C-alpha atoms as a PDB file:
ATOM      1  CA  UNK A   1      -3.137 -10.108 -28.805  1.00  0.00           C
ATOM      2  CA  UNK A   2      -4.223 -11.193 -26.006  1.00  0.00           C
ATOM      3  CA  UNK A   3      -3.490  -7.295 -24.566  1.00  0.00           C
ATOM      4  CA  UNK A   4      -7.040  -7.125 -21.705  1.00  0.00           C
ATOM      5  CA  UNK A   5      -5.457 -11.570 -20.482  1.00  0.00           C
ATOM      6  CA  UNK A   6      -2.246  -9.570 -19.724  1.00  0.00           C
ATOM      7  CA  UNK A   7      -3.649  -6.415 -18.123  1.00  0.00           C
ATOM      8  CA  UNK A   8      -5.739  -8.618 -16.015  1.00  0.00           C
ATOM      9  CA  UNK A   9      -2.759 -11.063 -14.565  1.00  0.00           C
ATOM     10  CA  UNK A  10      -0.558  -7.815 -14.196  1.00  0.00           C
ATOM     11  CA  UNK A  11      -3.933  -6.661 -12.121  1.00  0.00           C
ATOM     12  CA  UNK A  12      -3.759  -9.641 -10.498  1.00  0.00           C
ATOM     13  CA  UNK A  13      -0.057  -9.580  -9.530  1.00  0.00           C
ATOM     14  CA  UNK A  14      -0.185  -6.243  -8.320  1.00  0.00           C
ATOM     15  CA  UNK A  15      -3.848  -7.354  -5.993  1.00  0.00           C
ATOM     16  CA  UNK A  16      -1.200 -10.205  -4.478  1.00  0.00           C
ATOM     17  CA  UNK A  17       1.482  -7.413  -4.193  1.00  0.00           C
ATOM     18  CA  UNK A  18      -0.975  -5.402  -1.946  1.00  0.00           C
ATOM     19  CA  UNK A  19      -2.673  -7.593  -0.358  1.00  0.00           C
ATOM     20  CA  UNK A  20      -1.639 -11.165   0.258  1.00  0.00           C
ATOM     21  CA  UNK A  21      -0.021 -11.686   4.123  1.00  0.00           C
ATOM     22  CA  UNK A  22       3.395 -12.037   4.707  1.00  0.00           C
ATOM     23  CA  UNK A  23       7.261 -10.875   3.998  1.00  0.00           C
ATOM     24  CA  UNK A  24       7.760  -9.568  -0.047  1.00  0.00           C
ATOM     25  CA  UNK A  25       9.852 -12.742  -1.287  1.00  0.00           C
ATOM     26  CA  UNK A  26       5.525 -15.112  -0.991  1.00  0.00           C
ATOM     27  CA  UNK A  27       3.896 -12.817  -2.394  1.00  0.00           C
ATOM     28  CA  UNK A  28       6.251 -11.591  -5.209  1.00  0.00           C
ATOM     29  CA  UNK A  29       6.770 -15.688  -5.795  1.00  0.00           C
ATOM     30  CA  UNK A  30       3.084 -16.018  -6.090  1.00  0.00           C
ATOM     31  CA  UNK A  31       2.817 -12.456  -8.573  1.00  0.00           C
ATOM     32  CA  UNK A  32       5.067 -14.212 -10.232  1.00  0.00           C
ATOM     33  CA  UNK A  33       4.245 -17.885  -9.865  1.00  0.00           C
ATOM     34  CA  UNK A  34       0.702 -17.042 -10.615  1.00  0.00           C
ATOM     35  CA  UNK A  35      -0.540 -13.769 -12.064  1.00  0.00           C
ATOM     36  CA  UNK A  36       2.402 -13.360 -15.049  1.00  0.00           C
ATOM     37  CA  UNK A  37       3.544 -16.592 -15.318  1.00  0.00           C
ATOM     38  CA  UNK A  38       0.815 -17.797 -18.283  1.00  0.00           C
ATOM     39  CA  UNK A  39       1.602 -14.330 -19.961  1.00  0.00           C
ATOM     40  CA  UNK A  40       2.799 -15.540 -23.264  1.00  0.00           C
ATOM     41  CA  UNK A  41       4.378 -12.401 -24.853  1.00  0.00           C
ATOM     42  CA  UNK A  42       3.916 -13.034 -28.952  1.00  0.00           C
ATOM     43  CA  UNK A  43       0.413 -13.821 -28.182  1.00  0.00           C
ATOM     44  CA  UNK A  44      -0.618 -10.944 -25.471  1.00  0.00           C
ATOM     45  CA  UNK A  45       1.822  -8.522 -25.460  1.00  0.00           C
ATOM     46  CA  UNK A  46       2.633  -5.648 -27.933  1.00  0.00           C
ATOM     47  CA  UNK A  47       6.119  -5.727 -29.690  1.00  0.00           C
ATOM     48  CA  UNK A  48       7.363  -3.196 -28.160  1.00  0.00           C
ATOM     49  CA  UNK A  49       7.018  -4.691 -24.895  1.00  0.00           C
ATOM     50  CA  UNK A  50       8.245  -7.986 -25.508  1.00  0.00           C
ATOM     51  CA  UNK A  51      11.585  -7.827 -24.965  1.00  0.00           C
ATOM     52  CA  UNK A  52      11.235  -5.993 -21.629  1.00  0.00           C
ATOM     53  CA  UNK A  53       9.210  -8.578 -19.949  1.00  0.00           C
ATOM     54  CA  UNK A  54      10.810 -11.099 -21.259  1.00  0.00           C
ATOM     55  CA  UNK A  55      14.077  -9.701 -19.568  1.00  0.00           C
ATOM     56  CA  UNK A  56      11.434  -9.220 -16.393  1.00  0.00           C
ATOM     57  CA  UNK A  57      10.986 -13.056 -16.391  1.00  0.00           C
ATOM     58  CA  UNK A  58      14.818 -13.453 -17.442  1.00  0.00           C
ATOM     59  CA  UNK A  59      15.988 -11.719 -14.091  1.00  0.00           C
ATOM     60  CA  UNK A  60      12.811 -13.636 -11.694  1.00  0.00           C
ATOM     61  CA  UNK A  61      14.290 -17.388 -13.135  1.00  0.00           C
ATOM     62  CA  UNK A  62      17.353 -17.550 -13.939  1.00  0.00           C
ATOM     63  CA  UNK A  63      18.502 -19.692 -10.639  1.00  0.00           C
ATOM     64  CA  UNK A  64      17.919 -23.766 -10.826  1.00  0.00           C
ATOM     65  CA  UNK A  65      16.562 -25.379  -7.845  1.00  0.00           C
ATOM     66  CA  UNK A  66      19.198 -26.422  -5.682  1.00  0.00           C
ATOM     67  CA  UNK A  67      19.672 -30.120  -4.616  1.00  0.00           C
ATOM     68  CA  UNK A  68      18.483 -29.472  -1.163  1.00  0.00           C
ATOM     69  CA  UNK A  69      14.972 -28.463  -2.297  1.00  0.00           C
ATOM     70  CA  UNK A  70      14.673 -29.483  -5.700  1.00  0.00           C
ATOM     71  CA  UNK A  71      11.021 -28.561  -5.391  1.00  0.00           C
ATOM     72  CA  UNK A  72      11.536 -25.433  -5.330  1.00  0.00           C
ATOM     73  CA  UNK A  73      10.873 -24.014  -9.653  1.00  0.00           C
ATOM     74  CA  UNK A  74      13.006 -21.342 -10.838  1.00  0.00           C
ATOM     75  CA  UNK A  75      10.882 -18.768  -9.484  1.00  0.00           C
ATOM     76  CA  UNK A  76      11.646 -19.729  -6.099  1.00  0.00           C
ATOM     77  CA  UNK A  77      14.763 -20.822  -6.326  1.00  0.00           C
ATOM     78  CA  UNK A  78      15.410 -17.214  -7.516  1.00  0.00           C
ATOM     79  CA  UNK A  79      13.431 -14.764  -5.117  1.00  0.00           C
ATOM     80  CA  UNK A  80      14.348 -16.936  -2.306  1.00  0.00           C
ATOM     81  CA  UNK A  81      17.808 -16.320  -3.123  1.00  0.00           C
ATOM     82  CA  UNK A  82      17.032 -12.420  -3.633  1.00  0.00           C
ATOM     83  CA  UNK A  83      17.827 -10.083  -0.585  1.00  0.00           C
ATOM     84  CA  UNK A  84      14.657  -7.888   0.621  1.00  0.00           C
ATOM     85  CA  UNK A  85      16.041  -4.931  -1.159  1.00  0.00           C
ATOM     86  CA  UNK A  86      16.273  -6.830  -4.413  1.00  0.00           C
ATOM     87  CA  UNK A  87      12.591  -8.442  -4.246  1.00  0.00           C
ATOM     88  CA  UNK A  88      11.055  -5.256  -3.196  1.00  0.00           C
ATOM     89  CA  UNK A  89      12.786  -3.654  -6.618  1.00  0.00           C
ATOM     90  CA  UNK A  90      11.339  -6.446  -9.014  1.00  0.00           C
ATOM     91  CA  UNK A  91       7.914  -5.891  -7.312  1.00  0.00           C
ATOM     92  CA  UNK A  92       8.245  -2.347  -8.358  1.00  0.00           C
ATOM     93  CA  UNK A  93       9.168  -3.126 -11.959  1.00  0.00           C
ATOM     94  CA  UNK A  94       5.847  -5.184 -12.114  1.00  0.00           C
ATOM     95  CA  UNK A  95       3.994  -1.684 -10.920  1.00  0.00           C
ATOM     96  CA  UNK A  96       5.974   0.122 -13.670  1.00  0.00           C
ATOM     97  CA  UNK A  97       5.178  -3.146 -16.240  1.00  0.00           C
ATOM     98  CA  UNK A  98       1.804  -2.990 -15.216  1.00  0.00           C
ATOM     99  CA  UNK A  99       1.424   0.519 -16.020  1.00  0.00           C
ATOM    100  CA  UNK A 100       2.751   0.394 -19.512  1.00  0.00           C
ATOM    101  CA  UNK A 101       0.426  -2.095 -20.065  1.00  0.00           C
ATOM    102  CA  UNK A 102      -2.641  -1.055 -19.179  1.00  0.00           C
ATOM    103  CA  UNK A 103      -1.439   2.633 -21.529  1.00  0.00           C
ATOM    104  CA  UNK A 104      -1.072   0.250 -23.913  1.00  0.00           C
ATOM    105  CA  UNK A 105      -4.330  -1.522 -23.573  1.00  0.00           C
ATOM    106  CA  UNK A 106      -6.317   2.429 -23.378  1.00  0.00           C
ATOM    107  CA  UNK A 107      -4.647   3.487 -26.669  1.00  0.00           C
ATOM    108  CA  UNK A 108      -5.723  -0.064 -28.356  1.00  0.00           C
ATOM    109  CA  UNK A 109      -9.378   0.300 -26.730  1.00  0.00           C
ATOM    110  CA  UNK A 110      -8.756   4.160 -28.923  1.00  0.00           C
ATOM    111  CA  UNK A 111      -7.489   3.037 -31.832  1.00  0.00           C
ATOM    112  CA  UNK A 112     -10.937   1.066 -32.335  1.00  0.00           C
ATOM    113  CA  UNK A 113     -11.454  -2.571 -34.477  1.00  0.00           C
ATOM    114  CA  UNK A 114      -9.902  -0.195 -37.281  1.00  0.00           C
ATOM    115  CA  UNK A 115      -6.725   0.664 -35.864  1.00  0.00           C
ATOM    116  CA  UNK A 116      -6.933   4.239 -36.390  1.00  0.00           C
ATOM    117  CA  UNK A 117      -8.107   7.260 -34.176  1.00  0.00           C
END
């Protein structure tokens, strides 16, 4: 498992959400598409976090791009249709998930190579 990779990607997403200029929606799109979008749940997350991560990704990719703007990806299309309040809620979910990933990584490091504490 590459939990350290997932932790790094969530940290980057938090940085993007907190420091990138502009409104919440473009920052959220970048945090998902550039930062956490490359996480592979089966490889990068412990089993107890996978379903929640998949649900988060499904929540931000369920809309298809419009005919008038086919260059938009699913993330852009979905977030583009959200209200700012919904986008903030997703950003809060990312923050919460980042904390869970960091906690799982700490548990992994504490357990050591043998998995025993």
